[in-house]
C-alpha atoms as a PDB file:
ATOM      1  CA  MET A   1       0.000   0.000   0.000  1.00  0.00           C
ATOM      2  CA  ASP A   2       1.182   3.546  -0.750  1.00  0.00           C
ATOM      3  CA  ILE A   3       0.886   6.482   1.633  1.00  0.00           C
ATOM      4  CA  ARG A   4       0.962   9.976   0.142  1.00  0.00           C
ATOM      5  CA  SER A   5       1.493  12.781   2.640  1.00  0.00           C
ATOM      6  CA  VAL A   6       0.192  16.248   1.792  1.00  0.00           C
ATOM      7  CA  ILE A   7       1.487  19.327   3.623  1.00  0.00           C
ATOM      8  CA  ASN A   8      -0.538  22.520   3.422  1.00  0.00           C
ATOM      9  CA  GLY A   9      -2.171  21.274   0.211  1.00  0.00           C
ATOM     10  CA  GLU A  10       1.013  20.156  -1.627  1.00  0.00           C
ATOM     11  CA  ASN A  11       1.998  16.548  -2.254  1.00  0.00           C
ATOM     12  CA  GLN A  12       5.078  15.217  -0.504  1.00  0.00           C
ATOM     13  CA  ASP A  13       6.977  11.959  -0.827  1.00  0.00           C
ATOM     14  CA  LEU A  14       5.132   8.736  -1.565  1.00  0.00           C
ATOM     15  CA  LYS A  15       5.916   5.985   0.938  1.00  0.00           C
ATOM     16  CA  VAL A  16       5.276   2.253   0.707  1.00  0.00           C
ATOM     17  CA  THR A  17       4.067   0.472   3.847  1.00  0.00           C
ATOM     18  CA  GLY A  18       5.669  -2.659   5.202  1.00  0.00           C
ATOM     19  CA  VAL A  19       4.020  -6.087   5.343  1.00  0.00           C
ATOM     20  CA  ASP A  20       2.230  -4.993   8.523  1.00  0.00           C
ATOM     21  CA  GLY A  21       0.703  -2.015   6.687  1.00  0.00           C
ATOM     22  CA  SER A  22       2.667   0.583   8.660  1.00  0.00           C
ATOM     23  CA  THR A  23       5.157   3.314   7.860  1.00  0.00           C
ATOM     24  CA  SER A  24       6.740   6.199   9.769  1.00  0.00           C
ATOM     25  CA  ILE A  25       6.963   9.847   8.751  1.00  0.00           C
ATOM     26  CA  CYS A  26       8.809  12.762  10.351  1.00  0.00           C
ATOM     27  CA  LEU A  27       6.408  15.689  10.653  1.00  0.00           C
ATOM     28  CA  GLN A  28       7.064  19.391  10.268  1.00  0.00           C
ATOM     29  CA  SER A  29       5.867  21.714  12.987  1.00  0.00           C
ATOM     30  CA  GLU A  30       3.108  24.252  12.438  1.00  0.00           C
ATOM     31  CA  SER A  31       1.694  22.398   9.419  1.00  0.00           C
ATOM     32  CA  GLU A  32      -1.575  20.921   8.256  1.00  0.00           C
ATOM     33  CA  TYR A  33      -1.261  17.343   7.016  1.00  0.00           C
ATOM     34  CA  GLU A  34      -3.395  15.008   4.996  1.00  0.00           C
ATOM     35  CA  PHE A  35      -2.408  11.352   4.599  1.00  0.00           C
ATOM     36  CA  LYS A  36      -3.828   9.367   1.695  1.00  0.00           C
ATOM     37  CA  ALA A  37      -3.854   5.574   1.558  1.00  0.00           C
ATOM     38  CA  ILE A  38      -3.762   4.127  -1.970  1.00  0.00           C
ATOM     39  CA  LYS A  39      -4.066   0.494  -2.972  1.00  0.00           C
ATOM     40  CA  GLU A  40      -5.325  -1.159  -6.144  1.00  0.00           C
ATOM     41  CA  GLY A  41      -8.776  -2.697  -5.665  1.00  0.00           C
ATOM     42  CA  TYR A  42      -9.548  -0.555  -2.614  1.00  0.00           C
ATOM     43  CA  GLN A  43     -11.257   2.786  -2.166  1.00  0.00           C
ATOM     44  CA  MET A  44      -8.757   5.533  -1.410  1.00  0.00           C
ATOM     45  CA  ASN A  45      -9.001   6.882   2.120  1.00  0.00           C
ATOM     46  CA  SER A  46      -7.466   9.877   3.847  1.00  0.00           C
ATOM     47  CA  ILE A  47      -7.038  11.380   7.293  1.00  0.00           C
ATOM     48  CA  THR A  48      -5.994  14.865   8.385  1.00  0.00           C
ATOM     49  CA  TYR A  49      -3.621  15.863  11.165  1.00  0.00           C
ATOM     50  CA  SER A  50      -2.301  19.202  12.424  1.00  0.00           C
ATOM     51  CA  THR A  51       1.049  19.805  14.108  1.00  0.00           C
ATOM     52  CA  LYS A  52       0.154  23.366  15.065  1.00  0.00           C
ATOM     53  CA  SER A  53      -0.819  22.284  18.571  1.00  0.00           C
ATOM     54  CA  ASN A  54       1.450  19.247  18.707  1.00  0.00           C
ATOM     55  CA  THR A  55       4.141  19.254  21.413  1.00  0.00           C
ATOM     56  CA  GLY A  56       6.467  16.837  19.609  1.00  0.00           C
ATOM     57  CA  GLN A  57       5.215  13.533  20.953  1.00  0.00           C
ATOM     58  CA  GLN A  58       4.927  10.392  18.817  1.00  0.00           C
ATOM     59  CA  THR A  59       1.476   9.900  17.319  1.00  0.00           C
ATOM     60  CA  THR A  60      -0.135   6.863  15.731  1.00  0.00           C
ATOM     61  CA  LEU A  61      -2.766   7.311  13.033  1.00  0.00           C
ATOM     62  CA  GLU A  62      -4.863   4.497  11.603  1.00  0.00           C
ATOM     63  CA  MET A  63      -6.727   4.265   8.287  1.00  0.00           C
ATOM     64  CA  TYR A  64      -9.014   1.521   7.031  1.00  0.00           C
ATOM     65  CA  LEU A  65      -9.616   0.599   3.404  1.00  0.00           C
ATOM     66  CA  GLU A  66     -12.692  -0.958   1.879  1.00  0.00           C
ATOM     67  CA  LYS A  67     -12.891  -3.047  -1.275  1.00  0.00           C
ATOM     68  CA  SER A  68     -13.873  -1.058  -4.354  1.00  0.00           C
ATOM     69  CA  ASN A  69     -14.332  -1.497  -8.104  1.00  0.00           C
ATOM     70  CA  SER A  70     -12.553   1.800  -8.714  1.00  0.00           C
ATOM     71  CA  SER A  71      -9.124   1.884 -10.332  1.00  0.00           C
ATOM     72  CA  VAL A  72      -6.108   3.943  -9.312  1.00  0.00           C
ATOM     73  CA  LEU A  73      -4.403   6.444 -11.623  1.00  0.00           C
ATOM     74  CA  LYS A  74      -0.778   7.053 -10.629  1.00  0.00           C
ATOM     75  CA  GLY A  75       1.028   9.740 -12.544  1.00  0.00           C
ATOM     76  CA  VAL A  76       3.979  12.089 -12.661  1.00  0.00           C
ATOM     77  CA  VAL A  77       4.416  15.488 -14.322  1.00  0.00           C
ATOM     78  CA  LYS A  78       7.782  16.074 -16.002  1.00  0.00           C
ATOM     79  CA  SER A  79       9.492  18.799 -17.984  1.00  0.00           C
ATOM     80  CA  GLU A  80       9.577  17.950 -21.690  1.00  0.00           C
ATOM     81  CA  LEU A  81      13.005  19.604 -21.883  1.00  0.00           C
ATOM     82  CA  SER A  82      14.844  18.059 -18.918  1.00  0.00           C
ATOM     83  CA  GLN A  83      12.546  15.116 -18.144  1.00  0.00           C
ATOM     84  CA  LYS A  84      12.781  16.104 -14.468  1.00  0.00           C
ATOM     85  CA  PRO A  85       9.661  16.111 -12.212  1.00  0.00           C
ATOM     86  CA  ILE A  86       7.913  19.466 -11.855  1.00  0.00           C
ATOM     87  CA  PRO A  87       6.690  20.514  -8.390  1.00  0.00           C
ATOM     88  CA  GLY A  88       3.837  22.949  -7.837  1.00  0.00           C
ATOM     89  CA  VAL A  89       1.673  21.713 -10.716  1.00  0.00           C
ATOM     90  CA  GLN A  90      -2.078  21.729 -10.112  1.00  0.00           C
ATOM     91  CA  VAL A  91      -3.429  18.474 -11.489  1.00  0.00           C
ATOM     92  CA  THR A  92      -7.193  18.039 -11.829  1.00  0.00           C
ATOM     93  CA  LEU A  93      -9.115  14.898 -12.773  1.00  0.00           C
ATOM     94  CA  GLU A  94     -12.679  15.465 -13.993  1.00  0.00           C
ATOM     95  CA  ASN A  95     -15.154  12.627 -14.429  1.00  0.00           C
ATOM     96  CA  GLN A  96     -16.789  13.412 -17.779  1.00  0.00           C
ATOM     97  CA  LYS A  97     -19.937  11.529 -16.816  1.00  0.00           C
ATOM     98  CA  ASP A  98     -20.898  13.042 -13.456  1.00  0.00           C
ATOM     99  CA  LYS A  99     -18.566  16.117 -13.671  1.00  0.00           C
ATOM    100  CA  THR A 100     -17.013  15.485 -10.247  1.00  0.00           C
ATOM    101  CA  THR A 101     -13.413  16.649  -9.843  1.00  0.00           C
ATOM    102  CA  GLN A 102     -10.359  15.806  -7.780  1.00  0.00           C
ATOM    103  CA  THR A 103      -7.389  18.175  -7.502  1.00  0.00           C
ATOM    104  CA  VAL A 104      -3.850  17.868  -6.120  1.00  0.00           C
ATOM    105  CA  VAL A 105      -0.671  19.952  -6.255  1.00  0.00           C
ATOM    106  CA  THR A 106       2.516  18.048  -7.090  1.00  0.00           C
ATOM    107  CA  GLY A 107       5.538  18.029  -4.799  1.00  0.00           C
ATOM    108  CA  GLN A 108       9.211  17.467  -5.574  1.00  0.00           C
ATOM    109  CA  ASP A 109       8.563  14.050  -7.126  1.00  0.00           C
ATOM    110  CA  GLY A 110       5.962  15.510  -9.517  1.00  0.00           C
ATOM    111  CA  GLY A 111       3.642  12.677  -8.542  1.00  0.00           C
ATOM    112  CA  TYR A 112      -0.107  12.384  -8.055  1.00  0.00           C
ATOM    113  CA  GLU A 113      -2.731   9.689  -7.485  1.00  0.00           C
ATOM    114  CA  PHE A 114      -6.452   9.632  -8.201  1.00  0.00           C
ATOM    115  CA  GLU A 115      -9.272   7.179  -7.714  1.00  0.00           C
ATOM    116  CA  VAL A 116     -10.863   6.537 -11.108  1.00  0.00           C
ATOM    117  CA  LYS A 117     -14.445   5.324 -11.329  1.00  0.00           C
ATOM    118  CA  PRO A 118     -15.400   2.737 -13.957  1.00  0.00           C
ATOM    119  CA  GLY A 119     -17.666   3.403 -16.931  1.00  0.00           C
ATOM    120  CA  ALA A 120     -16.613   6.990 -17.672  1.00  0.00           C
ATOM    121  CA  ASP A 121     -13.994   8.987 -19.540  1.00  0.00           C
ATOM    122  CA  HIS A 122     -11.872  11.317 -17.413  1.00  0.00           C
ATOM    123  CA  LYS A 123     -10.185  14.607 -18.326  1.00  0.00           C
ATOM    124  CA  LEU A 124      -6.755  15.139 -16.786  1.00  0.00           C
ATOM    125  CA  THR A 125      -5.470  18.735 -16.652  1.00  0.00           C
ATOM    126  CA  ALA A 126      -2.012  19.894 -15.503  1.00  0.00           C
ATOM    127  CA  GLN A 127      -1.556  23.628 -14.886  1.00  0.00           C
ATOM    128  CA  LYS A 128       1.300  25.821 -13.671  1.00  0.00           C
ATOM    129  CA  ASP A 129       2.263  29.432 -14.263  1.00  0.00           C
ATOM    130  CA  LYS A 130       4.728  29.844 -17.178  1.00  0.00           C
ATOM    131  CA  TYR A 131       3.923  26.337 -18.460  1.00  0.00           C
ATOM    132  CA  ALA A 132       1.540  25.306 -21.224  1.00  0.00           C
ATOM    133  CA  THR A 133      -1.579  23.716 -19.754  1.00  0.00           C
ATOM    134  CA  ASN A 134      -1.656  20.031 -20.649  1.00  0.00           C
ATOM    135  CA  ASN A 135      -5.025  18.328 -21.181  1.00  0.00           C
ATOM    136  CA  GLU A 136      -5.360  14.588 -21.648  1.00  0.00           C
ATOM    137  CA  VAL A 137      -8.264  12.156 -21.776  1.00  0.00           C
ATOM    138  CA  ILE A 138      -8.227   8.919 -19.807  1.00  0.00           C
ATOM    139  CA  SER A 139     -10.442   6.631 -21.863  1.00  0.00           C
ATOM    140  CA  LYS A 140     -13.364   4.804 -20.320  1.00  0.00           C
ATOM    141  CA  VAL A 141     -12.150   2.672 -17.431  1.00  0.00           C
ATOM    142  CA  GLY A 142     -13.282  -0.948 -17.209  1.00  0.00           C
ATOM    143  CA  LYS A 143     -15.119  -2.547 -14.296  1.00  0.00           C
ATOM    144  CA  ASN A 144     -12.154  -4.579 -13.080  1.00  0.00           C
ATOM    145  CA  PRO A 145      -9.982  -2.574 -10.640  1.00  0.00           C
ATOM    146  CA  THR A 146      -6.502  -1.895 -11.973  1.00  0.00           C
ATOM    147  CA  GLN A 147      -3.676   0.619 -11.722  1.00  0.00           C
ATOM    148  CA  TYR A 148      -2.991   3.068 -14.541  1.00  0.00           C
ATOM    149  CA  GLN A 149       0.401   4.719 -14.985  1.00  0.00           C
ATOM    150  CA  ASN A 150       0.619   8.105 -16.657  1.00  0.00           C
ATOM    151  CA  VAL A 151       3.389  10.591 -17.471  1.00  0.00           C
ATOM    152  CA  GLN A 152       2.444  14.135 -18.439  1.00  0.00           C
ATOM    153  CA  GLY A 153       5.041  16.311 -20.128  1.00  0.00           C
ATOM    154  CA  MET A 154       4.864  20.091 -19.820  1.00  0.00           C
ATOM    155  CA  TYR A 155       6.485  22.799 -21.950  1.00  0.00           C
ATOM    156  CA  GLY A 156       7.754  25.901 -20.146  1.00  0.00           C
ATOM    157  CA  GLU A 157       8.521  29.430 -21.275  1.00  0.00           C
ATOM    158  CA  GLY A 158      12.193  29.779 -22.177  1.00  0.00           C
ATOM    159  CA  ASP A 159      12.704  26.094 -22.978  1.00  0.00           C
ATOM    160  CA  ILE A 160      14.969  25.569 -26.015  1.00  0.00           C
ATOM    161  CA  PHE A 161      14.583  22.383 -28.029  1.00  0.00           C
ATOM    162  CA  LYS A 162      16.988  21.165 -30.656  1.00  0.00           C
ATOM    163  CA  LEU A 163      15.307  19.807 -33.772  1.00  0.00           C
ATOM    164  CA  ASN A 164      17.523  16.809 -34.430  1.00  0.00           C
ATOM    165  CA  ASN A 165      16.946  16.583 -38.175  1.00  0.00           C
ATOM    166  CA  ILE A 166      16.582  20.234 -39.184  1.00  0.00           C
ATOM    167  CA  TYR A 167      19.868  20.514 -41.064  1.00  0.00           C
ATOM    168  CA  TYR A 168      20.806  22.357 -44.240  1.00  0.00           C
ATOM    169  CA  ASP A 169      23.113  21.776 -47.175  1.00  0.00           C
ATOM    170  CA  LEU A 170      26.187  23.990 -47.352  1.00  0.00           C
ATOM    171  CA  ASP A 171      25.278  27.578 -48.341  1.00  0.00           C
ATOM    172  CA  LYS A 172      21.591  26.595 -48.728  1.00  0.00           C
ATOM    173  CA  PHE A 173      18.451  27.494 -46.771  1.00  0.00           C
ATOM    174  CA  PHE A 174      15.695  25.415 -48.400  1.00  0.00           C
ATOM    175  CA  ILE A 175      13.847  22.860 -46.254  1.00  0.00           C
ATOM    176  CA  ARG A 176      15.228  19.418 -47.043  1.00  0.00           C
ATOM    177  CA  PRO A 177      12.906  16.360 -47.020  1.00  0.00           C
ATOM    178  CA  ASP A 178      14.420  15.126 -43.742  1.00  0.00           C
ATOM    179  CA  ALA A 179      13.814  18.554 -42.195  1.00  0.00           C
ATOM    180  CA  ALA A 180      10.222  18.597 -43.440  1.00  0.00           C
ATOM    181  CA  ARG A 181       9.587  15.218 -41.807  1.00  0.00           C
ATOM    182  CA  GLU A 182      10.948  16.505 -38.494  1.00  0.00           C
ATOM    183  CA  LEU A 183       8.740  19.601 -38.599  1.00  0.00           C
ATOM    184  CA  GLU A 184       5.692  17.471 -39.396  1.00  0.00           C
ATOM    185  CA  ARG A 185       6.540  15.070 -36.574  1.00  0.00           C
ATOM    186  CA  THR A 186       7.379  17.520 -33.796  1.00  0.00           C
ATOM    187  CA  VAL A 187       6.719  21.229 -34.232  1.00  0.00           C
ATOM    188  CA  LEU A 188       3.425  21.206 -36.146  1.00  0.00           C
ATOM    189  CA  PRO A 189       1.632  18.847 -33.705  1.00  0.00           C
ATOM    190  CA  LEU A 190       2.938  20.887 -30.764  1.00  0.00           C
ATOM    191  CA  LEU A 191       1.684  24.195 -32.157  1.00  0.00           C
ATOM    192  CA  LYS A 192      -1.687  22.631 -32.974  1.00  0.00           C
ATOM    193  CA  LYS A 193      -2.077  21.134 -29.495  1.00  0.00           C
ATOM    194  CA  TYR A 194      -1.178  24.442 -27.819  1.00  0.00           C
ATOM    195  CA  PRO A 195      -2.863  27.138 -29.960  1.00  0.00           C
ATOM    196  CA  ASP A 196      -1.692  29.973 -27.666  1.00  0.00           C
ATOM    197  CA  MET A 197       1.973  28.964 -27.715  1.00  0.00           C
ATOM    198  CA  LYS A 198       4.451  31.332 -29.368  1.00  0.00           C
ATOM    199  CA  ILE A 199       7.907  30.179 -30.387  1.00  0.00           C
ATOM    200  CA  GLU A 200      11.175  31.567 -31.726  1.00  0.00           C
ATOM    201  CA  ILE A 201      12.811  29.727 -34.620  1.00  0.00           C
ATOM    202  CA  ARG A 202      16.583  29.902 -34.049  1.00  0.00           C
ATOM    203  CA  SER A 203      18.854  28.966 -36.942  1.00  0.00           C
ATOM    204  CA  HIS A 204      22.631  28.555 -36.925  1.00  0.00           C
ATOM    205  CA  THR A 205      25.432  28.054 -39.439  1.00  0.00           C
ATOM    206  CA  ASP A 206      28.847  26.456 -39.321  1.00  0.00           C
ATOM    207  CA  ALA A 207      31.977  28.616 -39.034  1.00  0.00           C
ATOM    208  CA  ARG A 208      32.927  28.537 -42.704  1.00  0.00           C
ATOM    209  CA  SER A 209      32.468  31.791 -44.688  1.00  0.00           C
ATOM    210  CA  GLY A 210      32.389  35.266 -43.170  1.00  0.00           C
ATOM    211  CA  ASP A 211      30.447  36.374 -40.116  1.00  0.00           C
ATOM    212  CA  SER A 212      28.071  38.718 -41.960  1.00  0.00           C
ATOM    213  CA  TYR A 213      27.408  36.156 -44.688  1.00  0.00           C
ATOM    214  CA  ASN A 214      26.629  33.481 -42.092  1.00  0.00           C
ATOM    215  CA  MET A 215      24.334  35.807 -40.181  1.00  0.00           C
ATOM    216  CA  GLN A 216      22.295  36.505 -43.323  1.00  0.00           C
ATOM    217  CA  LEU A 217      22.262  32.818 -44.251  1.00  0.00           C
ATOM    218  CA  SER A 218      20.976  31.807 -40.813  1.00  0.00           C
ATOM    219  CA  GLU A 219      18.250  34.459 -40.957  1.00  0.00           C
ATOM    220  CA  ASN A 220      17.156  33.052 -44.326  1.00  0.00           C
ATOM    221  CA  ARG A 221      17.097  29.560 -42.844  1.00  0.00           C
ATOM    222  CA  ALA A 222      14.972  30.647 -39.889  1.00  0.00           C
ATOM    223  CA  ARG A 223      12.524  32.421 -42.204  1.00  0.00           C
ATOM    224  CA  ALA A 224      12.321  29.294 -44.367  1.00  0.00           C
ATOM    225  CA  VAL A 225      11.073  27.318 -41.357  1.00  0.00           C
ATOM    226  CA  VAL A 226       8.556  30.033 -40.478  1.00  0.00           C
ATOM    227  CA  ASN A 227       7.292  30.050 -44.071  1.00  0.00           C
ATOM    228  CA  TYR A 228       6.958  26.266 -44.019  1.00  0.00           C
ATOM    229  CA  LEU A 229       4.862  26.418 -40.824  1.00  0.00           C
ATOM    230  CA  THR A 230       2.634  29.292 -41.959  1.00  0.00           C
ATOM    231  CA  GLN A 231       1.937  27.499 -45.246  1.00  0.00           C
ATOM    232  CA  ARG A 232       0.525  24.685 -43.107  1.00  0.00           C
ATOM    233  CA  GLY A 233      -1.894  26.828 -41.147  1.00  0.00           C
ATOM    234  CA  ILE A 234       0.142  28.242 -38.261  1.00  0.00           C
ATOM    235  CA  ASP A 235      -0.563  31.946 -37.642  1.00  0.00           C
ATOM    236  CA  ALA A 236       2.544  34.016 -38.366  1.00  0.00           C
ATOM    237  CA  SER A 237       1.961  36.082 -35.207  1.00  0.00           C
ATOM    238  CA  ARG A 238       2.913  33.007 -33.180  1.00  0.00           C
ATOM    239  CA  LEU A 239       6.298  32.672 -34.848  1.00  0.00           C
ATOM    240  CA  VAL A 240       9.497  34.705 -34.555  1.00  0.00           C
ATOM    241  CA  SER A 241      12.543  33.959 -36.704  1.00  0.00           C
ATOM    242  CA  ASN A 242      16.110  34.809 -35.745  1.00  0.00           C
ATOM    243  CA  GLY A 243      19.475  33.918 -37.228  1.00  0.00           C
ATOM    244  CA  TYR A 244      22.525  33.522 -35.023  1.00  0.00           C
ATOM    245  CA  GLY A 245      25.102  32.834 -37.709  1.00  0.00           C
ATOM    246  CA  GLU A 246      28.146  31.052 -36.333  1.00  0.00           C
ATOM    247  CA  SER A 247      27.945  32.795 -32.917  1.00  0.00           C
ATOM    248  CA  GLU A 248      26.567  29.785 -30.991  1.00  0.00           C
ATOM    249  CA  PRO A 249      28.365  26.640 -32.211  1.00  0.00           C
ATOM    250  CA  ALA A 250      27.143  23.253 -30.937  1.00  0.00           C
ATOM    251  CA  ASN A 251      30.715  21.931 -30.807  1.00  0.00           C
ATOM    252  CA  GLU A 252      34.323  23.140 -30.940  1.00  0.00           C
ATOM    253  CA  CYS A 253      34.251  23.873 -34.694  1.00  0.00           C
ATOM    254  CA  VAL A 254      35.011  27.592 -34.722  1.00  0.00           C
ATOM    255  CA  ASP A 255      37.223  29.624 -37.075  1.00  0.00           C
ATOM    256  CA  GLY A 256      40.684  28.085 -37.442  1.00  0.00           C
ATOM    257  CA  VAL A 257      39.719  24.613 -36.195  1.00  0.00           C
ATOM    258  CA  GLN A 258      39.879  21.642 -38.563  1.00  0.00           C
ATOM    259  CA  CYS A 259      36.616  19.681 -38.431  1.00  0.00           C
ATOM    260  CA  SER A 260      34.907  16.908 -40.325  1.00  0.00           C
ATOM    261  CA  GLU A 261      31.869  17.517 -42.519  1.00  0.00           C
ATOM    262  CA  LYS A 262      29.753  15.719 -39.926  1.00  0.00           C
ATOM    263  CA  GLN A 263      30.892  18.165 -37.238  1.00  0.00           C
ATOM    264  CA  HIS A 264      30.155  21.148 -39.457  1.00  0.00           C
ATOM    265  CA  GLN A 265      26.710  19.647 -40.180  1.00  0.00           C
ATOM    266  CA  GLU A 266      25.939  19.645 -36.435  1.00  0.00           C
ATOM    267  CA  ASN A 267      26.289  23.428 -36.407  1.00  0.00           C
ATOM    268  CA  ARG A 268      24.004  23.985 -39.426  1.00  0.00           C
ATOM    269  CA  ARG A 269      20.963  23.463 -37.239  1.00  0.00           C
ATOM    270  CA  THR A 270      17.662  24.922 -36.138  1.00  0.00           C
ATOM    271  CA  GLU A 271      16.152  25.053 -32.645  1.00  0.00           C
ATOM    272  CA  PHE A 272      12.934  26.435 -31.266  1.00  0.00           C
ATOM    273  CA  ARG A 273      12.508  28.385 -28.046  1.00  0.00           C
ATOM    274  CA  ILE A 274       9.156  28.768 -26.301  1.00  0.00           C
ATOM    275  CA  LEU A 275       8.392  32.457 -25.866  1.00  0.00           C
ATOM    276  CA  ALA A 276       4.918  32.369 -24.357  1.00  0.00           C
ATOM    277  CA  VAL A 277       2.365  29.802 -23.223  1.00  0.00           C
ATOM    278  CA  LYS A 278      -1.059  29.674 -21.607  1.00  0.00           C
END
């Protein structure tokens, strides 16, 4: 059985009980606690406890679980950029049949748990300031109790993502077929899922040729990506293009350094940075 402690409304570490169903937790002073007991095939239960009037003595709390046909949804919210858990995310589960909701705020482990009733779809929403709100649908849950695992990725303002296959031929700025496939696979779906997201297209060159030439070439490359996206229905007001020339190399291949064509290719790249989200 898992025990989730909640301090002042925010999830804390998830603990697993021993074979005797017990666990121990060190409590903070002057705090309001809620302890949630979670086990597949049982109805989730919780108990509250305050340390505001506690004098530091050891306390034993007991919770009892009853059999249930509800399932358990265990999830974690992570950054799409770093893949690290995100604390302080408000996660809400709404039953689309009876419109009841459950809400938690993630702690350092980014984790959350919900009891999911059978026979209904559920909407899962993750929200945090400066991050794009992520909505997902948990399809209709069956009658047999089970445990669902879920990972929600969130995009934050300022995140910079490298587009692994957005490369260019030497001295060229047209969108190659491999680049087009990458845009169709990653950027277009992202901009369609988050219609309020604004991004900067950042293009770079290798160190060959002069600085001013490379700056102009990179600006042309960035605009080529913006044109490709707008031709496929993305509003131009959501897109900013900037060229950085050879000023931000991805490796050690700067002026005067002998490098392979593969290394130069790594610098002829495009990234996107998230400017604004809702």
